[in-house]
Amino acid sequence: MAAASTNSISISYFLLPALLLLPFLFFLLPSNLTTPPFNYFKLTEAIHTTPSSPQLPLQGFLSAASMYETSKVKATTTPKKKIRSSLEKIEQGLARARAAIREAIRSRNFTSSENHTDTFIPSGSIYLNPYAFHQSHIEMEKRFKVWSYREGENPLTHEGPLNGVYSIEGHFISEIESDKSPFKAQVPDEAHAFFLPLSVTSIIQYIYLPIRTMADYSRDRLRRVVTDYVDVIANKYPYWNRSKGADHFMVSCHDWAPDASLANPELFNSFIRILCNANISEGFRPKRDVPIPEIFINFEGLRPPNFGQGPNNRSILAFFEGRAHGFIREILFKHWKNKDNEVVVEEHYPKGLGYSKSLGRSKYCLCPSGYEVASPRVVDAIYQGCVPVIISNNYSLPFSDVLNWSKFSIEIPVGKIPEIKSILKGISNRKYLRMYKRVKRVQRHFVLNRPAKPYDVTYMVLHSLWLRRLNFKVVE
């Protein structure tokens, strides 16, 4: 009995320290075990998420264990941060841009941007609100991304005319799809707007010509091409259906371009059309669509030489040269063709004098509509420092969302064509000089550069698109 008691005491003597060391042995186990002992993570989670829980016997051990797996314990106790979708990030960025523009309007100032390197600052009455415009342009440069769909093959898509009266169409397509463009989205999920790189001019050239009968003028073929293209991208990607086309756009300078989307009015109801033929009477929507200036690009360069004379060296009061296209020009010719030395209206100006040189010698340049409202004469006049006199019905002027056209151009109703000379003579020299200087200042917004530069015509077109994108929210 004594021996048994002695053995029991001996065993207890060694067993008691072992039992006391047992928790620490578990604590020292390797960290790469797939199943942690006692599943202490769930116990710790219960303690931290339920403050009223009673103290558990293993509380002290769990405190030590929490030092061992700090990151995992925090992961269970800290609420997970919601992962924002790409669209949510885009909309939040647009919200910040809107706030910055509102602040610029309120404070009559603008915030700088480290990415904004251009030193030009819009100012003066030629802008509706120079502070809002400048800040908006900065925000556009900072944020705006455009995805150009890859679908389609040349020559109907991805290229357009680079010379002639419709050339702005081809240059814009080339510019926006260039890898060097700062506005080019690398993936569609980062895009604010989606470009359909269709060339209406190329479609007309390759699908319609030669035109032999009146039936060949039908717009059905054009409409089918555009509608089929939209069907392809709508079935392949979620973006068109997500916004019903409200953040999608196309660009064209061809006279037929407004008809391209008329095949299915419901499908194209929210679609943005950037058009030279900005005729309101033919369905152009100034709040949704974007007018783009028609620019004649010849083979000698992106713009003609500057022949503009100083304001005191312009011997011609008003000038126009062109064919009698459309009823407005017919009225103009009836009253003024070859009838006045100060109001020079010619169908074919004498050789050697030169069209651009004559613009540069004129105070006012008459810009009547032809068969359609679009005409390169407005830009031709601005290039040569000549005050544009716009004679047109239902014409939406380019960039009128930021430019105050009444400060550097004159609009004359068709019914006032017989009174052109008296109207222009009635403008004081002081007012003319102000308008002349404003035309010179606004020139930079109508210049085509390759690559594009801030505030030039390409950036101005994108800015008009940017403003429309700011005005609505896409919801997934």
Protein backbone atom coordinates (compact mmCIF):
# COMPACT_ATOMS: atom_id res chain seq x y z
CA MET A 1 0.00 0.00 0.00
CA ALA A 2 2.80 2.36 0.87
CA ALA A 3 4.44 1.59 -2.44
CA ALA A 4 1.21 2.24 -4.34
CA SER A 5 0.71 5.54 -2.54
CA THR A 6 4.23 6.53 -3.30
CA ASN A 7 3.77 5.71 -6.99
CA SER A 8 0.52 7.69 -7.09
CA ILE A 9 2.16 10.70 -5.57
CA SER A 10 5.06 10.33 -8.00
CA ILE A 11 2.72 10.14 -11.01
CA SER A 12 0.73 13.15 -9.76
CA TYR A 13 3.95 15.01 -9.23
CA PHE A 14 4.84 14.61 -12.95
CA LEU A 15 1.29 14.70 -14.37
CA LEU A 16 0.32 18.02 -12.82
CA PRO A 17 3.07 20.06 -14.60
CA ALA A 18 2.24 18.27 -17.85
CA LEU A 19 -1.40 19.26 -17.57
CA LEU A 20 -0.42 22.81 -16.79
CA LEU A 21 1.85 22.89 -19.86
CA LEU A 22 -0.77 21.42 -22.21
CA PRO A 23 -2.32 24.76 -23.40
CA PHE A 24 1.12 26.11 -24.19
CA LEU A 25 1.96 22.99 -26.19
CA PHE A 26 -1.09 23.65 -28.38
CA PHE A 27 -0.04 27.25 -28.76
CA LEU A 28 3.38 26.18 -30.01
CA LEU A 29 2.03 23.89 -32.75
CA PRO A 30 3.14 24.72 -36.35
CA SER A 31 1.15 27.43 -38.08
CA ASN A 32 0.62 25.50 -41.31
CA LEU A 33 -1.90 23.06 -39.89
CA THR A 34 -5.05 22.87 -41.97
CA THR A 35 -7.35 22.60 -38.93
CA PRO A 36 -6.47 24.87 -35.99
CA PRO A 37 -6.93 23.35 -32.54
CA PHE A 38 -10.24 24.00 -30.79
CA ASN A 39 -11.43 26.12 -33.75
CA TYR A 40 -10.61 29.27 -31.75
CA PHE A 41 -11.46 31.57 -34.63
CA LYS A 42 -15.18 30.96 -34.26
CA LEU A 43 -14.98 31.36 -30.52
CA THR A 44 -13.13 34.63 -30.89
CA GLU A 45 -15.69 35.79 -33.45
CA ALA A 46 -18.49 35.00 -31.02
CA ILE A 47 -16.82 36.96 -28.24
CA HIS A 48 -16.15 40.04 -30.34
CA THR A 49 -19.50 40.13 -32.12
CA THR A 50 -21.61 39.44 -29.01
CA PRO A 51 -20.57 41.80 -26.21
CA SER A 52 -23.08 40.29 -23.76
CA SER A 53 -21.67 36.77 -24.08
CA PRO A 54 -20.46 35.27 -20.81
CA GLN A 55 -16.74 34.92 -20.21
CA LEU A 56 -15.64 31.55 -21.53
CA PRO A 57 -13.18 29.29 -19.71
CA LEU A 58 -10.71 29.58 -22.58
CA GLN A 59 -10.78 33.40 -22.68
CA GLY A 60 -7.18 33.76 -21.58
CA PHE A 61 -5.99 31.21 -24.12
CA LEU A 62 -7.94 32.86 -26.88
CA SER A 63 -6.33 36.19 -26.07
CA ALA A 64 -2.95 34.59 -26.59
CA ALA A 65 -4.15 32.88 -29.74
CA SER A 66 -5.40 36.20 -31.13
CA MET A 67 -1.78 37.40 -31.08
CA TYR A 68 -0.88 34.37 -33.15
CA GLU A 69 -3.44 34.99 -35.93
CA THR A 70 -3.99 38.75 -35.81
CA SER A 71 -4.84 39.17 -39.45
CA LYS A 72 -7.37 36.36 -39.50
CA VAL A 73 -9.12 37.58 -36.37
CA LYS A 74 -9.40 41.10 -37.84
CA ALA A 75 -10.77 39.68 -41.03
CA THR A 76 -13.63 38.11 -39.12
CA THR A 77 -14.38 41.12 -36.95
CA THR A 78 -14.10 43.98 -39.53
CA PRO A 79 -17.05 44.36 -41.93
CA LYS A 80 -16.07 43.65 -45.51
CA LYS A 81 -15.74 46.75 -47.70
CA LYS A 82 -18.12 46.68 -50.65
CA ILE A 83 -16.28 46.24 -53.93
CA ARG A 84 -17.37 48.99 -56.34
CA SER A 85 -18.20 48.04 -59.88
CA SER A 86 -16.48 49.80 -62.76
CA LEU A 87 -19.70 51.64 -63.55
CA GLU A 88 -20.01 52.87 -59.95
CA LYS A 89 -16.45 54.19 -60.12
CA ILE A 90 -17.27 55.99 -63.38
CA GLU A 91 -20.41 57.55 -61.96
CA GLN A 92 -18.61 58.65 -58.79
CA GLY A 93 -15.92 60.29 -60.90
CA LEU A 94 -18.58 62.11 -62.92
CA ALA A 95 -20.23 63.26 -59.70
CA ARG A 96 -16.92 64.77 -58.58
CA ALA A 97 -16.55 66.48 -61.96
CA ARG A 98 -20.03 67.99 -61.68
CA ALA A 99 -19.23 69.24 -58.19
CA ALA A 100 -15.98 70.86 -59.40
CA ILE A 101 -17.81 72.60 -62.24
CA ARG A 102 -20.52 73.88 -59.90
CA GLU A 103 -17.83 75.21 -57.57
CA ALA A 104 -16.10 76.98 -60.47
CA ILE A 105 -19.39 78.66 -61.34
CA ARG A 106 -20.04 79.63 -57.72
CA SER A 107 -16.56 80.94 -56.98
CA ARG A 108 -15.94 82.32 -60.49
CA ASN A 109 -12.66 80.46 -60.46
CA PHE A 110 -11.25 77.06 -61.39
CA THR A 111 -9.07 74.43 -59.79
CA SER A 112 -5.86 73.45 -61.49
CA SER A 113 -4.92 69.96 -62.59
CA GLU A 114 -1.45 68.46 -62.61
CA ASN A 115 -2.31 66.76 -65.90
CA HIS A 116 -3.47 70.01 -67.49
CA THR A 117 -0.43 71.49 -69.24
CA ASP A 118 -2.11 73.93 -71.64
CA THR A 119 -1.70 77.54 -70.52
CA PHE A 120 -4.79 78.82 -72.36
CA ILE A 121 -7.56 80.08 -70.07
CA PRO A 122 -10.94 80.90 -71.65
CA SER A 123 -12.20 84.36 -70.79
CA GLY A 124 -14.50 87.02 -72.09
CA SER A 125 -17.95 87.32 -73.56
CA ILE A 126 -17.38 84.83 -76.40
CA TYR A 127 -18.08 82.11 -73.79
CA LEU A 128 -21.40 81.57 -72.07
CA ASN A 129 -19.52 80.87 -68.83
CA PRO A 130 -15.72 80.79 -69.14
CA TYR A 131 -15.23 79.45 -65.59
CA ALA A 132 -17.56 76.51 -66.14
CA PHE A 133 -16.06 75.79 -69.56
CA HIS A 134 -12.47 75.84 -68.35
CA GLN A 135 -13.16 73.64 -65.34
CA SER A 136 -15.24 71.26 -67.45
CA HIS A 137 -12.43 70.99 -70.00
CA ILE A 138 -9.96 70.18 -67.23
CA GLU A 139 -12.28 67.51 -65.84
CA MET A 140 -12.71 66.05 -69.32
CA GLU A 141 -8.95 65.81 -69.88
CA LYS A 142 -8.57 64.20 -66.47
CA ARG A 143 -11.32 61.60 -66.72
CA PHE A 144 -13.03 61.12 -70.08
CA LYS A 145 -12.51 57.77 -71.84
CA VAL A 146 -14.07 56.53 -75.07
CA TRP A 147 -14.28 52.93 -76.20
CA SER A 148 -14.37 52.39 -79.96
CA TYR A 149 -15.97 49.10 -80.91
CA ARG A 150 -13.61 46.77 -82.79
CA GLU A 151 -16.39 45.20 -84.86
CA GLY A 152 -16.69 46.02 -88.55
CA GLU A 153 -14.28 45.96 -91.46
CA ASN A 154 -12.78 48.61 -93.70
CA PRO A 155 -13.79 50.58 -95.64
CA LEU A 156 -17.28 50.95 -94.09
CA THR A 157 -15.90 51.22 -90.56
CA HIS A 158 -12.73 52.45 -88.85
CA GLU A 159 -11.80 54.86 -91.63
CA GLY A 160 -13.33 57.78 -93.48
CA PRO A 161 -12.43 60.62 -95.86
CA LEU A 162 -9.39 62.67 -94.89
CA ASN A 163 -9.79 65.31 -97.59
CA GLY A 164 -12.71 67.27 -98.97
CA VAL A 165 -15.89 68.64 -97.48
CA TYR A 166 -16.64 65.54 -95.34
CA SER A 167 -13.08 65.10 -94.06
CA ILE A 168 -13.77 65.90 -90.39
CA GLU A 169 -15.54 62.53 -90.29
CA GLY A 170 -12.41 60.55 -91.23
CA HIS A 171 -10.07 62.62 -89.08
CA PHE A 172 -12.23 62.16 -85.99
CA ILE A 173 -12.42 58.37 -86.49
CA SER A 174 -8.65 58.21 -86.98
CA GLU A 175 -7.95 60.42 -83.98
CA ILE A 176 -10.23 58.69 -81.49
CA GLU A 177 -8.96 55.22 -82.49
CA SER A 178 -5.30 56.23 -82.33
CA ASP A 179 -3.27 54.49 -79.63
CA LYS A 180 -1.83 57.92 -78.80
CA SER A 181 -5.20 59.43 -77.98
CA PRO A 182 -5.45 60.27 -74.25
CA PHE A 183 -9.19 59.59 -74.46
CA LYS A 184 -8.91 56.03 -75.73
CA ALA A 185 -10.24 53.47 -73.26
CA GLN A 186 -8.09 50.36 -72.96
CA VAL A 187 -11.05 48.21 -71.92
CA PRO A 188 -14.76 48.91 -72.35
CA ASP A 189 -15.47 48.80 -68.61
CA GLU A 190 -13.50 52.03 -68.09
CA ALA A 191 -15.32 53.93 -70.85
CA HIS A 192 -17.71 56.84 -70.30
CA ALA A 193 -18.90 56.75 -73.92
CA PHE A 194 -18.95 54.18 -76.71
CA PHE A 195 -18.10 55.03 -80.31
CA LEU A 196 -19.65 53.37 -83.35
CA PRO A 197 -16.83 53.88 -85.90
CA LEU A 198 -19.14 53.86 -88.92
CA SER A 199 -18.37 56.13 -91.86
CA VAL A 200 -21.60 57.23 -93.55
CA THR A 201 -19.53 58.77 -96.36
CA SER A 202 -17.82 55.44 -97.02
CA ILE A 203 -21.12 53.57 -96.87
CA ILE A 204 -22.57 55.89 -99.52
CA GLN A 205 -19.46 55.53 -101.67
CA TYR A 206 -19.20 51.74 -101.58
CA ILE A 207 -22.83 50.63 -101.30
CA TYR A 208 -24.65 53.25 -103.34
CA LEU A 209 -22.42 54.44 -106.15
CA PRO A 210 -22.99 54.62 -109.00
CA ILE A 211 -26.47 56.10 -108.61
CA ARG A 212 -28.43 55.55 -111.81
CA THR A 213 -32.07 55.97 -110.84
CA MET A 214 -34.13 57.82 -108.24
CA ALA A 215 -34.59 54.54 -106.39
CA ASP A 216 -30.85 54.52 -105.71
CA TYR A 217 -31.32 57.53 -103.45
CA SER A 218 -33.34 55.46 -100.98
CA ARG A 219 -31.85 55.52 -97.48
CA ASP A 220 -32.90 51.93 -96.77
CA ARG A 221 -29.46 50.44 -97.40
CA LEU A 222 -27.79 52.99 -95.13
CA ARG A 223 -30.30 52.36 -92.36
CA ARG A 224 -29.87 48.60 -92.59
CA VAL A 225 -26.08 48.85 -92.27
CA VAL A 226 -26.31 51.04 -89.16
CA THR A 227 -29.09 48.98 -87.56
CA ASP A 228 -27.27 45.70 -88.24
CA TYR A 229 -24.11 47.09 -86.66
CA VAL A 230 -26.01 48.07 -83.51
CA ASP A 231 -27.62 44.62 -83.38
CA VAL A 232 -24.18 43.00 -83.48
CA ILE A 233 -22.74 45.02 -80.60
CA ALA A 234 -25.96 44.89 -78.57
CA ASN A 235 -25.97 41.09 -78.74
CA LYS A 236 -22.25 40.80 -78.00
CA TYR A 237 -21.82 43.39 -75.24
CA PRO A 238 -24.01 44.64 -72.36
CA TYR A 239 -23.30 48.35 -72.83
CA TRP A 240 -25.90 49.36 -75.42
CA ASN A 241 -28.74 47.60 -73.61
CA ARG A 242 -27.56 48.94 -70.25
CA SER A 243 -28.14 52.56 -71.26
CA LYS A 244 -30.45 52.06 -74.28
CA GLY A 245 -27.70 53.66 -76.34
CA ALA A 246 -27.61 56.88 -74.29
CA ASP A 247 -23.81 56.75 -73.90
CA HIS A 248 -23.21 55.64 -77.51
CA PHE A 249 -22.48 57.93 -80.44
CA MET A 250 -21.48 58.15 -84.09
CA VAL A 251 -19.87 60.97 -86.08
CA SER A 252 -20.66 61.94 -89.65
CA CYS A 253 -20.50 64.97 -91.91
CA HIS A 254 -22.43 63.51 -94.84
CA ASP A 255 -25.76 65.10 -95.74
CA TRP A 256 -27.52 61.74 -95.42
CA ALA A 257 -26.23 61.04 -91.91
CA PRO A 258 -29.38 62.23 -90.05
CA ASP A 259 -31.36 59.54 -91.90
CA ALA A 260 -29.12 56.70 -90.74
CA SER A 261 -30.91 56.27 -87.41
CA LEU A 262 -34.50 56.78 -88.59
CA ALA A 263 -35.19 53.15 -89.43
CA ASN A 264 -35.95 52.33 -85.79
CA PRO A 265 -36.80 55.50 -83.80
CA GLU A 266 -37.28 53.55 -80.57
CA LEU A 267 -33.88 51.86 -80.86
CA PHE A 268 -32.09 55.16 -81.53
CA ASN A 269 -34.17 57.35 -79.23
CA SER A 270 -31.33 58.01 -76.77
CA PHE A 271 -28.44 57.60 -79.20
CA ILE A 272 -26.07 60.60 -79.67
CA ARG A 273 -25.44 61.75 -83.24
CA ILE A 274 -22.52 64.10 -83.92
CA LEU A 275 -23.46 65.71 -87.22
CA CYS A 276 -22.42 68.48 -89.57
CA ASN A 277 -25.96 68.48 -90.96
CA ALA A 278 -27.46 69.85 -87.74
CA ASN A 279 -30.86 70.68 -89.20
CA ILE A 280 -33.49 70.94 -86.48
CA SER A 281 -36.30 70.71 -89.05
CA GLU A 282 -34.91 67.29 -90.09
CA GLY A 283 -34.84 65.81 -86.61
CA PHE A 284 -31.62 67.16 -85.12
CA ARG A 285 -32.01 67.32 -81.30
CA PRO A 286 -29.78 70.05 -79.79
CA LYS A 287 -30.09 68.67 -76.25
CA ARG A 288 -29.02 65.19 -77.30
CA ASP A 289 -27.18 65.45 -80.64
CA VAL A 290 -23.94 67.37 -81.19
CA PRO A 291 -23.32 69.79 -84.10
CA ILE A 292 -19.85 69.53 -85.61
CA PRO A 293 -18.37 72.16 -87.96
CA GLU A 294 -17.91 71.22 -91.58
CA ILE A 295 -14.27 71.81 -92.57
CA PHE A 296 -12.88 71.54 -96.08
CA ILE A 297 -9.46 69.88 -95.92
CA ASN A 298 -7.39 70.01 -99.09
CA PHE A 299 -4.29 67.99 -99.97
CA GLU A 300 -1.92 70.82 -99.03
CA GLY A 301 -2.49 70.75 -95.29
CA LEU A 302 -4.99 70.63 -92.47
CA ARG A 303 -5.95 74.29 -92.94
CA PRO A 304 -5.42 76.95 -95.60
CA PRO A 305 -2.76 79.67 -95.37
CA ASN A 306 -3.76 82.75 -93.42
CA PHE A 307 -4.58 85.57 -95.83
CA GLY A 308 -6.49 87.62 -93.29
CA GLN A 309 -5.83 91.36 -93.45
CA GLY A 310 -6.06 93.78 -90.55
CA PRO A 311 -9.52 95.23 -89.83
CA ASN A 312 -8.66 98.54 -91.53
CA ASN A 313 -7.37 96.88 -94.73
CA ARG A 314 -10.51 94.98 -95.68
CA SER A 315 -11.94 96.63 -98.77
CA ILE A 316 -14.94 94.32 -99.30
CA LEU A 317 -17.98 94.84 -97.06
CA ALA A 318 -19.50 91.36 -97.60
CA PHE A 319 -18.42 88.41 -99.76
CA PHE A 320 -19.83 85.11 -101.03
CA GLU A 321 -18.71 82.72 -103.74
CA GLY A 322 -20.50 79.47 -104.48
CA ARG A 323 -23.12 77.69 -106.48
CA ALA A 324 -26.85 78.36 -106.32
CA HIS A 325 -27.64 75.28 -104.24
CA GLY A 326 -30.93 75.53 -102.39
CA PHE A 327 -33.62 78.19 -102.17
CA ILE A 328 -31.69 80.46 -99.75
CA ARG A 329 -28.84 80.92 -102.22
CA GLU A 330 -31.30 81.44 -105.04
CA ILE A 331 -32.77 84.38 -103.10
CA LEU A 332 -29.27 85.68 -102.36
CA PHE A 333 -28.30 85.52 -106.03
CA LYS A 334 -31.53 87.15 -107.14
CA HIS A 335 -30.83 90.25 -105.06
CA TRP A 336 -27.04 90.50 -105.02
CA LYS A 337 -25.27 88.49 -107.72
CA ASN A 338 -23.08 90.83 -109.78
CA LYS A 339 -25.09 93.84 -108.58
CA ASP A 340 -22.91 95.61 -106.01
CA ASN A 341 -19.25 96.47 -105.49
CA GLU A 342 -19.45 96.31 -101.70
CA VAL A 343 -21.62 93.20 -101.37
CA VAL A 344 -19.75 90.82 -103.66
CA VAL A 345 -21.81 87.74 -104.54
CA GLU A 346 -20.41 85.53 -107.29
CA GLU A 347 -21.00 82.00 -108.51
CA HIS A 348 -17.49 81.80 -109.94
CA TYR A 349 -15.13 84.46 -108.68
CA PRO A 350 -12.58 85.74 -111.22
CA LYS A 351 -9.49 83.55 -111.42
CA GLY A 352 -6.36 84.81 -109.76
CA LEU A 353 -8.12 86.61 -106.93
CA GLY A 354 -8.51 83.43 -104.89
CA TYR A 355 -11.33 82.37 -102.58
CA SER A 356 -9.34 82.42 -99.32
CA LYS A 357 -7.63 85.71 -100.25
CA SER A 358 -11.03 87.30 -100.91
CA LEU A 359 -12.26 86.14 -97.50
CA GLY A 360 -9.18 87.74 -95.99
CA ARG A 361 -10.05 91.08 -97.66
CA SER A 362 -13.69 91.07 -96.48
CA LYS A 363 -15.19 92.43 -93.27
CA TYR A 364 -18.18 90.11 -93.34
CA CYS A 365 -18.48 86.70 -95.01
CA LEU A 366 -21.92 85.51 -96.07
CA CYS A 367 -22.63 81.91 -95.06
CA PRO A 368 -25.95 80.84 -96.61
CA SER A 369 -27.20 77.27 -96.40
CA GLY A 370 -27.12 75.15 -99.53
CA TYR A 371 -29.27 72.12 -100.10
CA GLU A 372 -28.49 71.32 -96.45
CA VAL A 373 -27.64 73.59 -93.54
CA ALA A 374 -24.02 72.44 -93.23
CA SER A 375 -21.41 74.58 -94.94
CA PRO A 376 -17.63 74.92 -94.57
CA ARG A 377 -17.96 78.67 -95.18
CA VAL A 378 -18.43 79.42 -91.48
CA VAL A 379 -15.05 77.87 -90.66
CA ASP A 380 -13.46 79.36 -93.81
CA ALA A 381 -14.52 82.81 -92.62
CA ILE A 382 -13.23 82.28 -89.09
CA TYR A 383 -9.86 81.06 -90.41
CA GLN A 384 -9.42 84.33 -92.35
CA GLY A 385 -10.60 86.62 -89.54
CA CYS A 386 -13.85 87.46 -91.35
CA VAL A 387 -17.02 87.94 -89.29
CA PRO A 388 -19.48 85.17 -90.32
CA VAL A 389 -22.95 86.24 -91.44
CA ILE A 390 -25.09 83.14 -91.07
CA ILE A 391 -28.15 82.92 -93.32
CA SER A 392 -29.92 79.72 -92.47
CA ASN A 393 -33.10 78.23 -91.09
CA ASN A 394 -33.14 75.79 -88.15
CA TYR A 395 -29.36 75.47 -87.94
CA SER A 396 -27.78 74.39 -84.66
CA LEU A 397 -24.40 76.12 -84.44
CA PRO A 398 -21.30 74.13 -83.39
CA PHE A 399 -20.24 74.34 -79.74
CA SER A 400 -23.17 76.60 -78.85
CA ASP A 401 -23.23 74.87 -75.45
CA VAL A 402 -20.16 76.95 -74.49
CA LEU A 403 -19.68 79.58 -77.22
CA ASN A 404 -21.74 82.77 -77.40
CA TRP A 405 -22.09 83.05 -81.16
CA SER A 406 -23.90 86.39 -81.01
CA LYS A 407 -20.63 88.01 -79.88
CA PHE A 408 -18.59 87.09 -82.98
CA SER A 409 -21.12 86.39 -85.76
CA ILE A 410 -24.32 87.81 -87.22
CA GLU A 411 -27.49 85.92 -88.05
CA ILE A 412 -29.71 87.33 -90.78
CA PRO A 413 -33.14 85.80 -91.45
CA VAL A 414 -33.86 84.71 -95.01
CA GLY A 415 -36.51 87.38 -95.31
CA LYS A 416 -33.89 90.08 -94.65
CA ILE A 417 -31.59 89.09 -97.52
CA PRO A 418 -32.59 92.19 -99.59
CA GLU A 419 -31.49 94.35 -96.65
CA ILE A 420 -28.04 92.82 -96.13
CA LYS A 421 -26.13 95.94 -97.16
CA SER A 422 -28.10 98.33 -94.95
CA ILE A 423 -27.89 95.93 -92.00
CA LEU A 424 -24.10 95.59 -92.23
CA LYS A 425 -23.61 99.30 -92.92
CA GLY A 426 -25.61 100.01 -89.79
CA ILE A 427 -23.05 98.25 -87.59
CA SER A 428 -20.70 100.77 -86.04
CA ASN A 429 -16.98 100.49 -86.64
CA ARG A 430 -16.45 100.09 -82.91
CA LYS A 431 -18.77 97.07 -82.78
CA TYR A 432 -17.17 95.59 -85.89
CA LEU A 433 -13.70 95.86 -84.34
CA ARG A 434 -14.92 94.04 -81.24
CA MET A 435 -16.39 91.25 -83.36
CA TYR A 436 -13.24 91.04 -85.47
CA LYS A 437 -11.08 90.58 -82.36
CA ARG A 438 -13.46 87.93 -81.02
CA VAL A 439 -13.29 86.00 -84.29
CA LYS A 440 -9.51 85.97 -83.96
CA ARG A 441 -9.81 84.68 -80.41
CA VAL A 442 -12.24 81.92 -81.29
CA GLN A 443 -10.11 80.58 -84.16
CA ARG A 444 -8.31 78.05 -81.99
CA HIS A 445 -11.57 76.17 -81.37
CA PHE A 446 -12.03 75.45 -85.09
CA VAL A 447 -8.48 74.40 -85.94
CA LEU A 448 -7.85 70.74 -86.77
CA ASN A 449 -4.61 69.37 -85.31
CA ARG A 450 -3.12 65.90 -85.67
CA PRO A 451 -2.62 64.83 -83.00
CA ALA A 452 -5.42 66.80 -81.40
CA LYS A 453 -4.64 69.51 -78.86
CA PRO A 454 -6.62 71.00 -75.96
CA TYR A 455 -9.38 73.37 -77.06
CA ASP A 456 -9.01 72.58 -80.77
CA VAL A 457 -11.93 71.31 -82.87
CA THR A 458 -11.50 67.65 -81.88
CA TYR A 459 -11.36 68.46 -78.18
CA MET A 460 -14.35 70.77 -78.59
CA VAL A 461 -16.40 67.99 -80.18
CA LEU A 462 -15.39 65.63 -77.39
CA HIS A 463 -16.26 68.30 -74.85
CA SER A 464 -19.79 68.57 -76.26
CA LEU A 465 -20.05 64.79 -75.93
CA TRP A 466 -18.62 64.98 -72.41
CA LEU A 467 -21.28 67.52 -71.39
CA ARG A 468 -24.05 65.21 -72.56
CA ARG A 469 -22.52 62.31 -70.65
CA LEU A 470 -22.45 64.45 -67.51
CA ASN A 471 -26.19 64.99 -67.77
CA PHE A 472 -27.35 61.44 -67.19
CA LYS A 473 -26.53 58.47 -65.01
CA VAL A 474 -26.21 54.89 -66.22
CA VAL A 475 -27.55 52.31 -63.78
CA GLU A 476 -26.64 48.63 -63.93
